[in-house]
N, C-alpha and C. Protein backbone atom coordinates (compact mmCIF):
# COMPACT_ATOMS: atom_id res chain seq x y z
N MET A 1 -50.10 14.42 -241.27
CA MET A 1 -48.73 14.41 -240.82
C MET A 1 -48.60 15.19 -239.53
N SER A 2 -47.81 14.65 -238.67
CA SER A 2 -47.57 15.37 -237.42
C SER A 2 -46.12 15.82 -237.39
N THR A 3 -45.92 16.86 -236.68
CA THR A 3 -44.55 17.39 -236.56
C THR A 3 -43.95 16.92 -235.25
N PRO A 4 -42.63 16.79 -235.20
CA PRO A 4 -42.00 16.37 -233.94
C PRO A 4 -42.15 17.47 -232.89
N PRO A 5 -42.23 17.07 -231.63
CA PRO A 5 -42.39 18.10 -230.58
C PRO A 5 -41.15 19.00 -230.51
N VAL A 6 -41.42 20.23 -230.22
CA VAL A 6 -40.34 21.20 -230.10
C VAL A 6 -39.64 21.00 -228.76
N ALA A 7 -38.33 20.86 -228.83
CA ALA A 7 -37.56 20.67 -227.60
C ALA A 7 -37.46 21.99 -226.86
N GLU A 8 -37.71 21.93 -225.57
CA GLU A 8 -37.64 23.14 -224.76
C GLU A 8 -36.18 23.47 -224.49
N GLU A 9 -35.80 24.68 -224.80
CA GLU A 9 -34.42 25.09 -224.58
C GLU A 9 -34.18 25.34 -223.10
N SER A 10 -33.01 24.95 -222.65
CA SER A 10 -32.70 25.19 -221.24
C SER A 10 -32.13 26.59 -221.08
N ARG A 11 -32.52 27.18 -219.99
CA ARG A 11 -32.02 28.51 -219.68
C ARG A 11 -30.72 28.40 -218.91
N PRO A 12 -29.93 29.45 -218.87
CA PRO A 12 -28.71 29.40 -218.06
C PRO A 12 -29.02 29.21 -216.58
N ALA A 13 -30.16 29.68 -216.13
CA ALA A 13 -30.53 29.50 -214.72
C ALA A 13 -30.76 28.03 -214.40
N ASP A 14 -31.22 27.24 -215.38
CA ASP A 14 -31.39 25.81 -215.14
C ASP A 14 -30.05 25.14 -214.89
N SER A 15 -29.05 25.50 -215.66
CA SER A 15 -27.72 24.93 -215.47
C SER A 15 -27.14 25.33 -214.12
N ILE A 16 -27.31 26.58 -213.76
CA ILE A 16 -26.78 27.06 -212.48
C ILE A 16 -27.50 26.35 -211.32
N ALA A 17 -28.80 26.14 -211.44
CA ALA A 17 -29.55 25.44 -210.40
C ALA A 17 -29.05 24.00 -210.26
N GLY A 18 -28.74 23.36 -211.37
CA GLY A 18 -28.19 22.01 -211.32
C GLY A 18 -26.84 21.97 -210.64
N PHE A 19 -25.97 22.93 -210.97
CA PHE A 19 -24.66 22.99 -210.33
C PHE A 19 -24.77 23.27 -208.84
N LEU A 20 -25.67 24.17 -208.46
CA LEU A 20 -25.87 24.47 -207.04
C LEU A 20 -26.38 23.25 -206.28
N ALA A 21 -27.29 22.51 -206.90
CA ALA A 21 -27.82 21.31 -206.24
C ALA A 21 -26.72 20.25 -206.09
N ALA A 22 -25.90 20.07 -207.12
CA ALA A 22 -24.82 19.10 -207.04
C ALA A 22 -23.78 19.52 -206.01
N LEU A 23 -23.47 20.81 -205.95
CA LEU A 23 -22.53 21.31 -204.95
C LEU A 23 -23.10 21.13 -203.54
N SER A 24 -24.39 21.31 -203.40
CA SER A 24 -25.03 21.13 -202.11
C SER A 24 -24.94 19.67 -201.64
N ILE A 25 -25.17 18.74 -202.55
CA ILE A 25 -25.06 17.32 -202.20
C ILE A 25 -23.63 16.99 -201.79
N PHE A 26 -22.67 17.48 -202.55
CA PHE A 26 -21.26 17.23 -202.23
C PHE A 26 -20.89 17.81 -200.86
N ALA A 27 -21.30 19.04 -200.59
CA ALA A 27 -20.98 19.67 -199.31
C ALA A 27 -21.67 18.96 -198.15
N SER A 28 -22.88 18.48 -198.37
CA SER A 28 -23.59 17.74 -197.32
C SER A 28 -22.86 16.45 -196.97
N LEU A 29 -22.40 15.74 -197.98
CA LEU A 29 -21.69 14.49 -197.74
C LEU A 29 -20.33 14.73 -197.08
N ILE A 30 -19.66 15.80 -197.44
CA ILE A 30 -18.40 16.15 -196.78
C ILE A 30 -18.67 16.54 -195.32
N GLY A 31 -19.80 17.19 -195.07
CA GLY A 31 -20.16 17.60 -193.72
C GLY A 31 -20.40 16.44 -192.77
N LEU A 32 -20.66 15.26 -193.32
CA LEU A 32 -20.82 14.08 -192.46
C LEU A 32 -19.55 13.78 -191.68
N VAL A 33 -18.41 14.01 -192.27
CA VAL A 33 -17.15 13.63 -191.63
C VAL A 33 -16.32 14.83 -191.17
N TYR A 34 -16.71 16.04 -191.53
CA TYR A 34 -15.90 17.21 -191.17
C TYR A 34 -16.81 18.35 -190.73
N HIS A 35 -16.92 18.59 -189.45
CA HIS A 35 -17.65 19.72 -188.86
C HIS A 35 -19.02 19.95 -189.49
N PRO A 36 -20.00 19.17 -189.12
CA PRO A 36 -21.31 19.27 -189.77
C PRO A 36 -22.02 20.61 -189.59
N VAL A 37 -21.82 21.28 -188.46
CA VAL A 37 -22.54 22.55 -188.24
C VAL A 37 -21.94 23.67 -189.08
N ARG A 38 -20.69 23.53 -189.48
CA ARG A 38 -20.08 24.54 -190.35
C ARG A 38 -20.51 24.40 -191.80
N LEU A 39 -20.62 23.19 -192.28
CA LEU A 39 -20.84 22.98 -193.71
C LEU A 39 -22.29 22.77 -194.11
N ILE A 40 -23.00 21.95 -193.38
CA ILE A 40 -24.30 21.49 -193.87
C ILE A 40 -25.36 22.60 -193.92
N PRO A 41 -25.43 23.54 -192.97
CA PRO A 41 -26.43 24.61 -193.15
C PRO A 41 -26.24 25.41 -194.43
N PHE A 42 -25.00 25.65 -194.83
CA PHE A 42 -24.75 26.36 -196.09
C PHE A 42 -25.12 25.48 -197.28
N ALA A 43 -24.91 24.18 -197.15
CA ALA A 43 -25.31 23.26 -198.21
C ALA A 43 -26.83 23.25 -198.36
N ILE A 44 -27.54 23.28 -197.24
CA ILE A 44 -29.01 23.31 -197.31
C ILE A 44 -29.47 24.63 -197.92
N LEU A 45 -28.79 25.72 -197.59
CA LEU A 45 -29.13 27.02 -198.19
C LEU A 45 -28.93 26.98 -199.71
N LEU A 46 -27.84 26.38 -200.17
CA LEU A 46 -27.61 26.25 -201.62
C LEU A 46 -28.71 25.41 -202.26
N ALA A 47 -29.12 24.35 -201.58
CA ALA A 47 -30.18 23.49 -202.11
C ALA A 47 -31.50 24.25 -202.20
N LEU A 48 -31.79 25.07 -201.20
CA LEU A 48 -33.04 25.84 -201.24
C LEU A 48 -33.01 26.89 -202.35
N ILE A 49 -31.85 27.48 -202.60
CA ILE A 49 -31.72 28.43 -203.70
C ILE A 49 -31.93 27.71 -205.03
N ALA A 50 -31.34 26.52 -205.17
CA ALA A 50 -31.51 25.74 -206.40
C ALA A 50 -32.97 25.35 -206.58
N THR A 51 -33.66 25.04 -205.49
CA THR A 51 -35.08 24.69 -205.57
C THR A 51 -35.90 25.90 -206.00
N ALA A 52 -35.56 27.07 -205.49
CA ALA A 52 -36.30 28.28 -205.85
C ALA A 52 -36.08 28.65 -207.32
N MET A 53 -34.90 28.33 -207.85
CA MET A 53 -34.63 28.63 -209.26
C MET A 53 -35.45 27.74 -210.18
N GLY A 54 -35.81 26.56 -209.69
CA GLY A 54 -36.67 25.66 -210.46
C GLY A 54 -36.01 25.16 -211.72
N GLY A 55 -36.82 24.95 -212.73
CA GLY A 55 -36.30 24.51 -214.01
C GLY A 55 -36.27 23.00 -214.15
N SER A 56 -35.43 22.55 -215.04
CA SER A 56 -35.39 21.12 -215.37
C SER A 56 -34.69 20.29 -214.30
N HIS A 57 -34.02 20.92 -213.37
CA HIS A 57 -33.30 20.19 -212.32
C HIS A 57 -34.04 20.26 -210.98
N ALA A 58 -35.34 20.33 -211.01
CA ALA A 58 -36.12 20.46 -209.78
C ALA A 58 -36.03 19.21 -208.91
N ARG A 59 -35.99 18.04 -209.53
CA ARG A 59 -35.90 16.81 -208.74
C ARG A 59 -34.53 16.68 -208.09
N LEU A 60 -33.48 17.12 -208.80
CA LEU A 60 -32.14 17.10 -208.22
C LEU A 60 -32.06 18.05 -207.04
N ALA A 61 -32.68 19.21 -207.15
CA ALA A 61 -32.69 20.17 -206.05
C ALA A 61 -33.48 19.63 -204.87
N GLN A 62 -34.57 18.93 -205.12
CA GLN A 62 -35.34 18.32 -204.05
C GLN A 62 -34.51 17.24 -203.36
N PHE A 63 -33.80 16.45 -204.14
CA PHE A 63 -32.92 15.44 -203.57
C PHE A 63 -31.81 16.08 -202.74
N ALA A 64 -31.33 17.25 -203.16
CA ALA A 64 -30.28 17.96 -202.41
C ALA A 64 -30.79 18.44 -201.06
N VAL A 65 -32.02 18.92 -201.01
CA VAL A 65 -32.59 19.37 -199.73
C VAL A 65 -32.75 18.18 -198.77
N ILE A 66 -33.27 17.08 -199.29
CA ILE A 66 -33.45 15.89 -198.45
C ILE A 66 -32.11 15.35 -197.98
N THR A 67 -31.13 15.31 -198.89
CA THR A 67 -29.80 14.84 -198.52
C THR A 67 -29.18 15.73 -197.45
N GLY A 68 -29.35 17.04 -197.58
CA GLY A 68 -28.82 17.96 -196.59
C GLY A 68 -29.44 17.75 -195.22
N ALA A 69 -30.73 17.55 -195.18
CA ALA A 69 -31.40 17.33 -193.89
C ALA A 69 -30.95 16.03 -193.23
N LEU A 70 -30.87 14.96 -194.03
CA LEU A 70 -30.43 13.68 -193.48
C LEU A 70 -28.96 13.71 -193.05
N CYS A 71 -28.13 14.40 -193.83
CA CYS A 71 -26.71 14.49 -193.47
C CYS A 71 -26.51 15.36 -192.23
N PHE A 72 -27.36 16.35 -192.03
CA PHE A 72 -27.24 17.18 -190.83
C PHE A 72 -27.51 16.34 -189.59
N ILE A 73 -28.58 15.57 -189.63
CA ILE A 73 -28.92 14.71 -188.49
C ILE A 73 -27.85 13.64 -188.31
N GLY A 74 -27.46 13.00 -189.40
CA GLY A 74 -26.45 11.96 -189.32
C GLY A 74 -25.09 12.49 -188.91
N GLY A 75 -24.71 13.66 -189.42
CA GLY A 75 -23.42 14.25 -189.07
C GLY A 75 -23.33 14.62 -187.60
N LEU A 76 -24.40 15.18 -187.06
CA LEU A 76 -24.41 15.50 -185.64
C LEU A 76 -24.34 14.23 -184.79
N ALA A 77 -25.06 13.21 -185.21
CA ALA A 77 -25.02 11.95 -184.46
C ALA A 77 -23.63 11.33 -184.49
N ILE A 78 -23.00 11.34 -185.66
CA ILE A 78 -21.65 10.79 -185.78
C ILE A 78 -20.66 11.58 -184.94
N ALA A 79 -20.78 12.91 -184.97
CA ALA A 79 -19.86 13.76 -184.19
C ALA A 79 -20.02 13.53 -182.70
N VAL A 80 -21.23 13.36 -182.22
CA VAL A 80 -21.46 13.15 -180.80
C VAL A 80 -20.97 11.76 -180.38
N ILE A 81 -21.26 10.76 -181.18
CA ILE A 81 -20.86 9.39 -180.84
C ILE A 81 -19.34 9.24 -180.80
N THR A 82 -18.65 9.88 -181.74
CA THR A 82 -17.19 9.75 -181.81
C THR A 82 -16.44 10.83 -181.04
N ASN A 83 -17.14 11.67 -180.31
CA ASN A 83 -16.54 12.76 -179.50
C ASN A 83 -15.70 13.70 -180.35
N ASN A 84 -16.16 13.99 -181.55
CA ASN A 84 -15.52 14.97 -182.41
C ASN A 84 -16.22 16.31 -182.27
N PRO A 85 -15.54 17.41 -182.61
CA PRO A 85 -16.21 18.72 -182.52
C PRO A 85 -17.30 18.87 -183.57
N ILE A 86 -18.38 19.53 -183.17
CA ILE A 86 -19.46 19.77 -184.12
C ILE A 86 -19.20 21.06 -184.91
N PHE A 87 -18.54 22.00 -184.29
CA PHE A 87 -18.28 23.28 -184.95
C PHE A 87 -17.01 23.22 -185.69
């Protein structure tokens, strides 16, 4: 007889890392249309903190870092093309 595998309990830090990664993605997407230099660097910082915390949301944190980088480039391009302020 075999026993069922023991489910790994999530730590509170895992939940916080997931929330930080989700907040980072949200802030990056908002930064596309509203002052990218003000918002997106802080969103990338949140994503890096979530990545450092690790845990079960590591792929979400990785996606948040990539999203932040792409939104930074895209946000600056959109701001320059439409003659909107970057700051």
